[in-house]
Amino acid sequence: MTTDNDSSTASGAASTDQTGAENATLPTIISVDAMGGDQGPAAVVAGVCVAARKNPDIGFILSGDQDTLKNLLAQQTGLSQRCEIRHADEVVTMDDKPGQVMRYGKNTSMWAAVDAVRSGDATVCVSCGNTGALMAVSMIRLRKLPSINRPAIACLWPSRNKSGFNIMLDVGADIRADQEDLLQYALMGASYARNGLDLTRPRVGLLNVGTEEHKGRAELKVAHELISKAADAADFDFVGFVEGSDIPSDRVDVIVTDGFTGNVALKTGEGTASLISDFMRQSFSATPFTRIAALLSLSSLKRLKRRIDPRRANGGVFLGLNGTVIKSHGSADETGIAAAIQLAITLSKSDFNHKLAARVASASLTLQTGQTDKVDN
């Protein structure tokens, strides 16, 4: 953890600057860890500004160094009135261990950002910071929902679906998942699809080494049965086992897996997208003729670039907590940060976390009695 040099504020994360005069009157407040991420607070504030222009009814709580944030907000027209600054002396670095942050991180911008959700001052927290530390702080400050064994991280994956995305979870909250965890992931993922992608009846698939029901580990076979039984009452369609090639397909909307498999798949996808982009750049710049071809194909190439741009899918949602936390990519620029904040706004306006809690309660009932109550979203 690093310390911000700010002599004007004495009490660390507890200090508040009431810059945002309009903030208290706005219906939705998003809490942002302004110091997390590789690009620094300038990129975070720029991303907040992009999201604010698109959403005039949203207010923000920015946690971080007060003087730095005041100066950055002053450069953005009209943003200061919609932002409250909560000073934090320290910053969680990418090298900090989760246990270290849990013990000594109370004066960090990350801790302050999560606490704004805990206190009810904000509805969703967004941070570009250290994933392990953010999950640890979120767990101890927000706690798990009743009956949740393991929280999950859900990511958006570019796909052939009309929405342009599929949802995959878990992508790294926990490398283990038994059949009960996978059932909970299915219900949480379906709720996310309804509220985040506006899908009335999402299609859920369970990731495996093949689509045949006799394949896979024992817990996958049991999870297949549990999810199949819960599907009708929980208002989603269970398509059964899916393979890796189905992750970007239009066969499924939600892919359920354990955190180890999901994280490997996610990093492989990111690396492959980067490799294809490099190959295309090299190919189109190889000769004068290919450079001319690139110019002629410019509009098509821009559309392709936009579809595979990872910034559009920025924002992993922590599911299974008493509050919504979104992890933005550490290297995100203002476009990526704005996308994560836009996702936070969408979920906040849909009252996502309360609906998710109802789904979790339904999952618990299924495990105990074999029956599932009908709940909304």
Foldseek 3Di string as FASTA:
>chain_A
DFFADDPVDDPFQQDKAPQAQCQVVAPAEEEEAQAFFDVGNLQLVLLVLVLCVVPVRYAYEYEEAPVVVVVSQVVRPPNRNRYMYGYAGDADAQPDALVVCVVPVCRYSLLSRLVCCLVVVHFEYEYQHHPRNSLSSQCVRFNFQPLAPFWAWKFWDQAPAPLRTAIEIRAARAQDDFLLNLLLLQLLRQLCCCQQVVDQAFEEAEEFQDQDLVDDDPRLNVSQVLNCLCRPLSRYHYPYYDYLVCRRYNPGRYYTDGNVVNNVSVVVLVVVLVVVVVVLVCQLPVDPVSVVVCVVCVVVVVVVCVSNVCLLGFWIWTPRTNGIYTHGHSHDGSSSSNNHVVSVVSCSVVVSNVQSSLSSVQSVCCVVPVDGHRDDD
